[in-house]
Structure formats: C-alpha cells, structure tokens
Amino acid sequence: MSGAALPAERLIVVASLRWSSPPPVGLVSRVREFLSAIYQDLLEPDEVEDVAMTAHELLENVLKYSSDGASSFEAELYDRGGQTWARLRTTNNANVEQLAGLQRLVERIGAAADPIALYDELIATSSQRNGSGLGLARVRAEAGMSIACAVDDRQICLVAERSLSIRRVA
C-alpha cells in the first residue's frame, strides 16, 4: 500500500490525567481552569476559551456515561507541518446500549454542513432523549472542533481537534 506520508507532529504542550475510579468532585472545573492557565500565554483568548470549553464538555460526558469510573483525559497542543493544533481525547468504558447511539450522533455532528443549525435542532429536541448530545454538538458549533470517536468492545474514545493560532511557544 503506498500513499503520502503523514506530516510529522511535534508536541508543544501535553496534559494527561487518568483515574481508575470515579473522578473527584470538581474535576471538570479544575481541569478547565488548569488548561486555561497553561494556554493563556500561548493562544489567543477566544481560542483558550474554545479549548477549555471543549475539555469541559468532554469531561462532563466521561462523568455522565462512564460505566465504571475508569477513564482518561489528554490535552495536547502540537505542531503539524508548521500549523499548531489542539487535540483533546477522553477514553472510558460505557454501557453497550449507549455506544451505537453515540457513534451515530458523532457521525451526524461530524457530517453536519451547518453545525450551528444542528446544535439548535438538538437543543429544541433535547427533552425527547437521554444523552442529548448537546455538549458534543456545542464543541463543533461553538469551538469549531472536529469530533470523532472510536469504539473497542465497551471502550469509547472521543477526540476533538482543531488548528489554532499560537502566539508564542514557551
């Protein structure tokens, strides 16, 4: 199989958290504050908020939908071909019944030609569903992040990614 080589990635900043039982109360807001503090000198203020909000939404999903509490969170800024990117990733075990619906929702969010219109639609119909998907749709609509997921048995990995304008590298 031949093809173009993927551009090399150079990590700029990495934050990684793992826990084996339900995470402590207040984790979501603490991680959001932590990332904001780390990124405030590197990114434009609106991009700091986009990354922090994305972390918040992904971690809220982990807290709501992790079947056993064991999960992980990673946030990276990296350079790919001279462009700075943010990648946020959560991994957790989920109930089998939730996985197929989540995969369909992530595919729908990713394929949306108008992410804001989809977000508005999900807001309007959120009372009709468990697991409304609002947080993931918000990440795409408001933060401009791509959303992808991978499922392996009962484990789900959600990834949000976007290019950014870095101000300076520490």
C-alpha atoms as a PDB file:
ATOM      1  CA  MET A   1       0.000   0.000   0.000  1.00  0.00           C
ATOM      2  CA  SER A   2       1.519   3.313  -0.994  1.00  0.00           C
ATOM      3  CA  GLY A   3       0.493   6.838  -0.173  1.00  0.00           C
ATOM      4  CA  ALA A   4       1.689  10.153   1.050  1.00  0.00           C
ATOM      5  CA  ALA A   5       3.388  10.121   4.413  1.00  0.00           C
ATOM      6  CA  LEU A   6       1.547  11.829   7.220  1.00  0.00           C
ATOM      7  CA  PRO A   7       3.174  15.053   8.386  1.00  0.00           C
ATOM      8  CA  ALA A   8       5.303  14.661  11.486  1.00  0.00           C
ATOM      9  CA  GLU A   9       3.841  16.020  14.686  1.00  0.00           C
ATOM     10  CA  ARG A  10       5.874  17.864  17.289  1.00  0.00           C
ATOM     11  CA  LEU A  11       4.284  18.092  20.718  1.00  0.00           C
ATOM     12  CA  ILE A  12       4.272  21.548  22.275  1.00  0.00           C
ATOM     13  CA  VAL A  13       2.242  21.025  25.481  1.00  0.00           C
ATOM     14  CA  VAL A  14       0.667  17.839  26.847  1.00  0.00           C
ATOM     15  CA  ALA A  15      -1.615  17.372  29.857  1.00  0.00           C
ATOM     16  CA  SER A  16      -2.693  13.836  30.682  1.00  0.00           C
ATOM     17  CA  LEU A  17      -4.917  12.576  33.504  1.00  0.00           C
ATOM     18  CA  ARG A  18      -6.007   9.033  34.335  1.00  0.00           C
ATOM     19  CA  TRP A  19      -8.151   7.665  37.132  1.00  0.00           C
ATOM     20  CA  SER A  20      -9.308   4.143  37.974  1.00  0.00           C
ATOM     21  CA  SER A  21     -12.440   5.022  39.919  1.00  0.00           C
ATOM     22  CA  PRO A  22     -14.987   7.809  39.557  1.00  0.00           C
ATOM     23  CA  PRO A  23     -13.097  11.106  39.327  1.00  0.00           C
ATOM     24  CA  PRO A  24     -13.197  13.550  42.228  1.00  0.00           C
ATOM     25  CA  VAL A  25     -15.944  16.139  42.562  1.00  0.00           C
ATOM     26  CA  GLY A  26     -14.898  19.391  40.935  1.00  0.00           C
ATOM     27  CA  LEU A  27     -12.601  17.731  38.411  1.00  0.00           C
ATOM     28  CA  VAL A  28     -14.279  19.297  35.379  1.00  0.00           C
ATOM     29  CA  SER A  29     -13.945  22.892  36.570  1.00  0.00           C
ATOM     30  CA  ARG A  30     -10.390  22.313  37.853  1.00  0.00           C
ATOM     31  CA  VAL A  31      -9.222  20.864  34.528  1.00  0.00           C
ATOM     32  CA  ARG A  32     -10.872  23.736  32.667  1.00  0.00           C
ATOM     33  CA  GLU A  33      -9.053  26.265  34.888  1.00  0.00           C
ATOM     34  CA  PHE A  34      -5.771  24.340  34.560  1.00  0.00           C
ATOM     35  CA  LEU A  35      -5.890  24.311  30.759  1.00  0.00           C
ATOM     36  CA  SER A  36      -6.863  27.971  30.657  1.00  0.00           C
ATOM     37  CA  ALA A  37      -3.839  28.819  32.819  1.00  0.00           C
ATOM     38  CA  ILE A  38      -1.451  26.738  30.691  1.00  0.00           C
ATOM     39  CA  TYR A  39      -2.709  28.033  27.352  1.00  0.00           C
ATOM     40  CA  GLN A  40      -3.317  31.704  28.195  1.00  0.00           C
ATOM     41  CA  ASP A  41       0.182  32.783  27.131  1.00  0.00           C
ATOM     42  CA  LEU A  42       0.237  30.549  24.057  1.00  0.00           C
ATOM     43  CA  LEU A  43      -3.142  31.092  22.397  1.00  0.00           C
ATOM     44  CA  GLU A  44      -5.484  33.933  21.590  1.00  0.00           C
ATOM     45  CA  PRO A  45      -8.076  34.438  24.374  1.00  0.00           C
ATOM     46  CA  ASP A  46     -11.017  33.143  22.306  1.00  0.00           C
ATOM     47  CA  GLU A  47      -9.033  30.009  21.421  1.00  0.00           C
ATOM     48  CA  VAL A  48      -8.169  29.432  25.092  1.00  0.00           C
ATOM     49  CA  GLU A  49     -11.894  29.536  25.842  1.00  0.00           C
ATOM     50  CA  ASP A  50     -12.670  27.149  22.954  1.00  0.00           C
ATOM     51  CA  VAL A  51     -10.158  24.580  24.212  1.00  0.00           C
ATOM     52  CA  ALA A  52     -11.281  24.971  27.842  1.00  0.00           C
ATOM     53  CA  MET A  53     -14.962  24.621  26.911  1.00  0.00           C
ATOM     54  CA  THR A  54     -14.176  21.530  24.837  1.00  0.00           C
ATOM     55  CA  ALA A  55     -12.359  19.954  27.779  1.00  0.00           C
ATOM     56  CA  HIS A  56     -15.331  20.786  29.990  1.00  0.00           C
ATOM     57  CA  GLU A  57     -17.849  19.152  27.638  1.00  0.00           C
ATOM     58  CA  LEU A  58     -15.755  16.029  27.051  1.00  0.00           C
ATOM     59  CA  LEU A  59     -15.167  15.548  30.773  1.00  0.00           C
ATOM     60  CA  GLU A  60     -18.861  16.063  31.526  1.00  0.00           C
ATOM     61  CA  ASN A  61     -19.530  13.155  29.136  1.00  0.00           C
ATOM     62  CA  VAL A  62     -16.998  10.989  30.966  1.00  0.00           C
ATOM     63  CA  LEU A  63     -18.674  11.727  34.303  1.00  0.00           C
ATOM     64  CA  LYS A  64     -22.164  11.025  32.949  1.00  0.00           C
ATOM     65  CA  TYR A  65     -21.508   7.979  30.808  1.00  0.00           C
ATOM     66  CA  SER A  66     -18.518   6.086  32.213  1.00  0.00           C
ATOM     67  CA  SER A  67     -19.837   2.685  33.290  1.00  0.00           C
ATOM     68  CA  ASP A  68     -17.135   2.010  35.877  1.00  0.00           C
ATOM     69  CA  GLY A  69     -15.423   5.354  36.532  1.00  0.00           C
ATOM     70  CA  ALA A  70     -12.113   4.310  34.962  1.00  0.00           C
ATOM     71  CA  SER A  71     -11.223   6.864  32.329  1.00  0.00           C
ATOM     72  CA  SER A  72      -8.571   9.156  30.951  1.00  0.00           C
ATOM     73  CA  PHE A  73      -8.247  12.656  29.532  1.00  0.00           C
ATOM     74  CA  GLU A  74      -5.485  14.090  27.367  1.00  0.00           C
ATOM     75  CA  ALA A  75      -4.997  17.586  26.001  1.00  0.00           C
ATOM     76  CA  GLU A  76      -2.247  18.328  23.525  1.00  0.00           C
ATOM     77  CA  LEU A  77      -1.018  21.261  21.548  1.00  0.00           C
ATOM     78  CA  TYR A  78       1.133  20.044  18.708  1.00  0.00           C
ATOM     79  CA  ASP A  79       2.738  21.306  15.540  1.00  0.00           C
ATOM     80  CA  ARG A  80       1.839  19.603  12.281  1.00  0.00           C
ATOM     81  CA  GLY A  81       3.552  20.989   9.218  1.00  0.00           C
ATOM     82  CA  GLY A  82       4.058  24.431  10.731  1.00  0.00           C
ATOM     83  CA  GLN A  83       0.456  24.724  11.980  1.00  0.00           C
ATOM     84  CA  THR A  84      -0.488  24.465  15.661  1.00  0.00           C
ATOM     85  CA  TRP A  85      -3.308  22.069  16.538  1.00  0.00           C
ATOM     86  CA  ALA A  86      -5.205  21.231  19.706  1.00  0.00           C
ATOM     87  CA  ARG A  87      -6.291  17.650  20.308  1.00  0.00           C
ATOM     88  CA  LEU A  88      -8.392  16.639  23.311  1.00  0.00           C
ATOM     89  CA  ARG A  89      -9.163  12.994  23.956  1.00  0.00           C
ATOM     90  CA  THR A  90     -11.209  11.089  26.521  1.00  0.00           C
ATOM     91  CA  THR A  91     -11.376   7.340  26.937  1.00  0.00           C
ATOM     92  CA  ASN A  92     -13.809   5.441  29.143  1.00  0.00           C
ATOM     93  CA  ASN A  93     -15.883   2.302  29.368  1.00  0.00           C
ATOM     94  CA  ALA A  94     -19.559   2.761  28.555  1.00  0.00           C
ATOM     95  CA  ASN A  95     -22.694   0.676  28.572  1.00  0.00           C
ATOM     96  CA  VAL A  96     -23.112  -1.283  25.352  1.00  0.00           C
ATOM     97  CA  GLU A  97     -26.594   0.219  24.849  1.00  0.00           C
ATOM     98  CA  GLN A  98     -25.096   3.725  24.666  1.00  0.00           C
ATOM     99  CA  LEU A  99     -22.270   3.032  22.228  1.00  0.00           C
ATOM    100  CA  ALA A 100     -24.202   2.676  18.966  1.00  0.00           C
ATOM    101  CA  GLY A 101     -26.254   5.803  19.632  1.00  0.00           C
ATOM    102  CA  LEU A 102     -23.137   7.776  20.490  1.00  0.00           C
ATOM    103  CA  GLN A 103     -21.385   6.640  17.316  1.00  0.00           C
ATOM    104  CA  ARG A 104     -24.372   7.705  15.193  1.00  0.00           C
ATOM    105  CA  LEU A 105     -24.529  11.067  16.944  1.00  0.00           C
ATOM    106  CA  VAL A 106     -20.805  11.742  16.476  1.00  0.00           C
ATOM    107  CA  GLU A 107     -21.092  10.818  12.784  1.00  0.00           C
ATOM    108  CA  ARG A 108     -24.069  13.166  12.436  1.00  0.00           C
ATOM    109  CA  ILE A 109     -22.228  16.013  14.161  1.00  0.00           C
ATOM    110  CA  GLY A 110     -19.143  15.446  12.035  1.00  0.00           C
ATOM    111  CA  ALA A 111     -21.129  15.372   8.793  1.00  0.00           C
ATOM    112  CA  ALA A 112     -23.250  18.436   9.558  1.00  0.00           C
ATOM    113  CA  ALA A 113     -22.900  21.069   6.841  1.00  0.00           C
ATOM    114  CA  ASP A 114     -24.177  23.642   9.348  1.00  0.00           C
ATOM    115  CA  PRO A 115     -23.036  22.698  12.866  1.00  0.00           C
ATOM    116  CA  ILE A 116     -24.905  25.636  14.433  1.00  0.00           C
ATOM    117  CA  ALA A 117     -28.211  24.577  12.863  1.00  0.00           C
ATOM    118  CA  LEU A 118     -27.675  21.017  14.126  1.00  0.00           C
ATOM    119  CA  TYR A 119     -26.872  22.340  17.605  1.00  0.00           C
ATOM    120  CA  ASP A 120     -30.069  24.431  17.565  1.00  0.00           C
ATOM    121  CA  GLU A 121     -32.062  21.363  16.454  1.00  0.00           C
ATOM    122  CA  LEU A 122     -30.582  19.233  19.234  1.00  0.00           C
ATOM    123  CA  ILE A 123     -31.410  21.950  21.788  1.00  0.00           C
ATOM    124  CA  ALA A 124     -35.017  22.035  20.568  1.00  0.00           C
ATOM    125  CA  THR A 125     -35.398  18.256  20.818  1.00  0.00           C
ATOM    126  CA  SER A 126     -33.164  17.539  23.845  1.00  0.00           C
ATOM    127  CA  SER A 127     -36.051  16.808  26.213  1.00  0.00           C
ATOM    128  CA  GLN A 128     -37.042  13.889  23.970  1.00  0.00           C
ATOM    129  CA  ARG A 129     -33.785  11.961  24.504  1.00  0.00           C
ATOM    130  CA  ASN A 130     -31.488  10.616  27.161  1.00  0.00           C
ATOM    131  CA  GLY A 131     -27.955  11.631  26.297  1.00  0.00           C
ATOM    132  CA  SER A 132     -28.933  14.687  24.297  1.00  0.00           C
ATOM    133  CA  GLY A 133     -25.561  15.151  22.601  1.00  0.00           C
ATOM    134  CA  LEU A 134     -25.665  18.873  23.273  1.00  0.00           C
ATOM    135  CA  GLY A 135     -22.135  19.017  24.667  1.00  0.00           C
ATOM    136  CA  LEU A 136     -20.567  17.359  21.630  1.00  0.00           C
ATOM    137  CA  ALA A 137     -22.657  19.435  19.235  1.00  0.00           C
ATOM    138  CA  ARG A 138     -21.636  22.568  21.153  1.00  0.00           C
ATOM    139  CA  VAL A 139     -17.954  21.656  20.745  1.00  0.00           C
ATOM    140  CA  ARG A 140     -18.402  21.523  16.968  1.00  0.00           C
ATOM    141  CA  ALA A 141     -20.733  24.544  16.675  1.00  0.00           C
ATOM    142  CA  GLU A 142     -19.091  26.964  19.102  1.00  0.00           C
ATOM    143  CA  ALA A 143     -15.452  25.861  19.295  1.00  0.00           C
ATOM    144  CA  GLY A 144     -15.077  24.732  15.671  1.00  0.00           C
ATOM    145  CA  MET A 145     -13.576  21.424  16.766  1.00  0.00           C
ATOM    146  CA  SER A 146     -13.938  18.269  14.724  1.00  0.00           C
ATOM    147  CA  ILE A 147     -15.379  15.373  16.723  1.00  0.00           C
ATOM    148  CA  ALA A 148     -14.563  11.718  16.149  1.00  0.00           C
ATOM    149  CA  CYS A 149     -14.999   8.537  18.135  1.00  0.00           C
ATOM    150  CA  ALA A 150     -13.694   5.011  18.129  1.00  0.00           C
ATOM    151  CA  VAL A 151     -15.229   2.054  19.928  1.00  0.00           C
ATOM    152  CA  ASP A 152     -13.332  -1.048  21.002  1.00  0.00           C
ATOM    153  CA  ASP A 153     -15.591  -3.535  22.781  1.00  0.00           C
ATOM    154  CA  ARG A 154     -17.082  -1.365  25.586  1.00  0.00           C
ATOM    155  CA  GLN A 155     -14.413   1.329  25.488  1.00  0.00           C
ATOM    156  CA  ILE A 156     -15.113   4.631  23.761  1.00  0.00           C
ATOM    157  CA  CYS A 157     -12.506   7.169  22.747  1.00  0.00           C
ATOM    158  CA  LEU A 158     -13.730  10.671  21.837  1.00  0.00           C
ATOM    159  CA  VAL A 159     -11.349  13.048  20.074  1.00  0.00           C
ATOM    160  CA  ALA A 160     -11.845  16.759  19.402  1.00  0.00           C
ATOM    161  CA  GLU A 161      -9.322  18.544  17.213  1.00  0.00           C
ATOM    162  CA  ARG A 162      -8.753  21.909  15.565  1.00  0.00           C
ATOM    163  CA  SER A 163      -5.998  24.143  14.234  1.00  0.00           C
ATOM    164  CA  LEU A 164      -5.100  27.243  16.264  1.00  0.00           C
ATOM    165  CA  SER A 165      -3.068  30.418  16.028  1.00  0.00           C
ATOM    166  CA  ILE A 166      -0.260  30.123  18.528  1.00  0.00           C
ATOM    167  CA  ARG A 167       1.109  33.395  19.909  1.00  0.00           C
ATOM    168  CA  ARG A 168       4.426  32.084  21.147  1.00  0.00           C
ATOM    169  CA  VAL A 169       5.982  28.832  22.258  1.00  0.00           C
ATOM    170  CA  ALA A 170       7.250  28.825  25.826  1.00  0.00           C
END
